[in-house]
């Protein structure tokens, strides 16, 4: 009887993982501001929301990448 494997293979770590994450999250922050402008929202509120999103996302990215890199060093 065959069994299915449900594990996801480890992907290789990019050369600049934190920089890549910063670029992606900055793009998302710009989308937040553009969406707010397109729907007639407040620019200041959108900018503050985008900044808070960016800071939270980058904090999470840095912590998760450091954890993954340390795990890779142990292996």
C-alpha atoms as a PDB file:
ATOM      1  CA  UNK A   1       0.000   0.000   0.000  1.00  0.00           C
ATOM      2  CA  UNK A   2       1.303   3.456  -0.913  1.00  0.00           C
ATOM      3  CA  UNK A   3       1.169   6.380   1.443  1.00  0.00           C
ATOM      4  CA  UNK A   4       0.941   9.968   0.406  1.00  0.00           C
ATOM      5  CA  UNK A   5       3.567  12.411   1.575  1.00  0.00           C
ATOM      6  CA  UNK A   6       2.102  15.624   2.886  1.00  0.00           C
ATOM      7  CA  UNK A   7       5.376  17.341   3.658  1.00  0.00           C
ATOM      8  CA  UNK A   8       6.483  20.316   1.620  1.00  0.00           C
ATOM      9  CA  UNK A   9      10.107  20.190   0.477  1.00  0.00           C
ATOM     10  CA  UNK A  10      12.368  22.910   1.847  1.00  0.00           C
ATOM     11  CA  UNK A  11      12.944  25.698  -0.629  1.00  0.00           C
ATOM     12  CA  UNK A  12      16.396  27.137  -1.043  1.00  0.00           C
ATOM     13  CA  UNK A  13      17.043  30.395   0.811  1.00  0.00           C
ATOM     14  CA  UNK A  14      17.386  33.460  -1.445  1.00  0.00           C
ATOM     15  CA  UNK A  15      20.613  35.477  -1.403  1.00  0.00           C
ATOM     16  CA  UNK A  16      18.953  38.545   0.164  1.00  0.00           C
ATOM     17  CA  UNK A  17      15.818  37.337   1.955  1.00  0.00           C
ATOM     18  CA  UNK A  18      15.236  40.428   4.115  1.00  0.00           C
ATOM     19  CA  UNK A  19      15.763  42.836   1.218  1.00  0.00           C
ATOM     20  CA  UNK A  20      13.362  40.813  -0.934  1.00  0.00           C
ATOM     21  CA  UNK A  21      10.767  40.864   1.835  1.00  0.00           C
ATOM     22  CA  UNK A  22      11.213  44.629   2.251  1.00  0.00           C
ATOM     23  CA  UNK A  23      10.581  45.215  -1.452  1.00  0.00           C
ATOM     24  CA  UNK A  24       7.439  43.050  -1.471  1.00  0.00           C
ATOM     25  CA  UNK A  25       5.988  44.629   1.675  1.00  0.00           C
ATOM     26  CA  UNK A  26       6.783  48.143   0.426  1.00  0.00           C
ATOM     27  CA  UNK A  27       4.827  47.289  -2.714  1.00  0.00           C
ATOM     28  CA  UNK A  28       1.892  46.146  -0.579  1.00  0.00           C
ATOM     29  CA  UNK A  29       2.071  49.404   1.401  1.00  0.00           C
ATOM     30  CA  UNK A  30       1.928  51.396  -1.834  1.00  0.00           C
ATOM     31  CA  UNK A  31      -1.111  49.371  -2.898  1.00  0.00           C
ATOM     32  CA  UNK A  32      -2.824  50.313   0.388  1.00  0.00           C
ATOM     33  CA  UNK A  33      -2.258  54.027  -0.276  1.00  0.00           C
ATOM     34  CA  UNK A  34      -3.280  53.814  -3.947  1.00  0.00           C
ATOM     35  CA  UNK A  35      -6.429  51.880  -3.062  1.00  0.00           C
ATOM     36  CA  UNK A  36      -7.343  54.493  -0.476  1.00  0.00           C
ATOM     37  CA  UNK A  37      -6.806  57.307  -2.967  1.00  0.00           C
ATOM     38  CA  UNK A  38      -8.868  55.495  -5.606  1.00  0.00           C
ATOM     39  CA  UNK A  39     -11.789  55.064  -3.229  1.00  0.00           C
ATOM     40  CA  UNK A  40     -11.693  58.632  -1.893  1.00  0.00           C
ATOM     41  CA  UNK A  41     -10.152  57.856   1.485  1.00  0.00           C
ATOM     42  CA  UNK A  42      -7.866  59.967   3.603  1.00  0.00           C
ATOM     43  CA  UNK A  43      -4.261  60.069   2.399  1.00  0.00           C
ATOM     44  CA  UNK A  44      -2.902  60.593   5.910  1.00  0.00           C
ATOM     45  CA  UNK A  45      -4.881  57.673   7.350  1.00  0.00           C
ATOM     46  CA  UNK A  46      -3.805  55.462   4.431  1.00  0.00           C
ATOM     47  CA  UNK A  47      -0.148  56.447   4.865  1.00  0.00           C
ATOM     48  CA  UNK A  48      -0.247  55.690   8.599  1.00  0.00           C
ATOM     49  CA  UNK A  49      -1.985  52.361   7.968  1.00  0.00           C
ATOM     50  CA  UNK A  50       0.532  51.467   5.250  1.00  0.00           C
ATOM     51  CA  UNK A  51       3.447  52.393   7.533  1.00  0.00           C
ATOM     52  CA  UNK A  52       2.083  50.290  10.395  1.00  0.00           C
ATOM     53  CA  UNK A  53       1.502  47.371   7.999  1.00  0.00           C
ATOM     54  CA  UNK A  54       5.048  47.685   6.658  1.00  0.00           C
ATOM     55  CA  UNK A  55       6.633  47.814  10.111  1.00  0.00           C
ATOM     56  CA  UNK A  56       4.651  44.825  11.395  1.00  0.00           C
ATOM     57  CA  UNK A  57       5.313  42.788   8.255  1.00  0.00           C
ATOM     58  CA  UNK A  58       9.042  43.548   8.305  1.00  0.00           C
ATOM     59  CA  UNK A  59       9.322  42.685  11.988  1.00  0.00           C
ATOM     60  CA  UNK A  60       7.662  39.349  11.296  1.00  0.00           C
ATOM     61  CA  UNK A  61       9.856  38.759   8.217  1.00  0.00           C
ATOM     62  CA  UNK A  62      13.100  39.491  10.062  1.00  0.00           C
ATOM     63  CA  UNK A  63      12.191  37.212  12.957  1.00  0.00           C
ATOM     64  CA  UNK A  64      11.062  34.357  10.715  1.00  0.00           C
ATOM     65  CA  UNK A  65      14.071  34.602   8.378  1.00  0.00           C
ATOM     66  CA  UNK A  66      16.515  34.676  11.287  1.00  0.00           C
ATOM     67  CA  UNK A  67      14.796  31.648  12.801  1.00  0.00           C
ATOM     68  CA  UNK A  68      14.993  29.810   9.479  1.00  0.00           C
ATOM     69  CA  UNK A  69      18.646  30.733   8.938  1.00  0.00           C
ATOM     70  CA  UNK A  70      19.581  29.546  12.428  1.00  0.00           C
ATOM     71  CA  UNK A  71      17.730  26.293  11.849  1.00  0.00           C
ATOM     72  CA  UNK A  72      19.677  25.863   8.614  1.00  0.00           C
ATOM     73  CA  UNK A  73      23.001  26.441  10.380  1.00  0.00           C
ATOM     74  CA  UNK A  74      22.243  23.703  12.914  1.00  0.00           C
ATOM     75  CA  UNK A  75      21.509  21.158  10.183  1.00  0.00           C
END
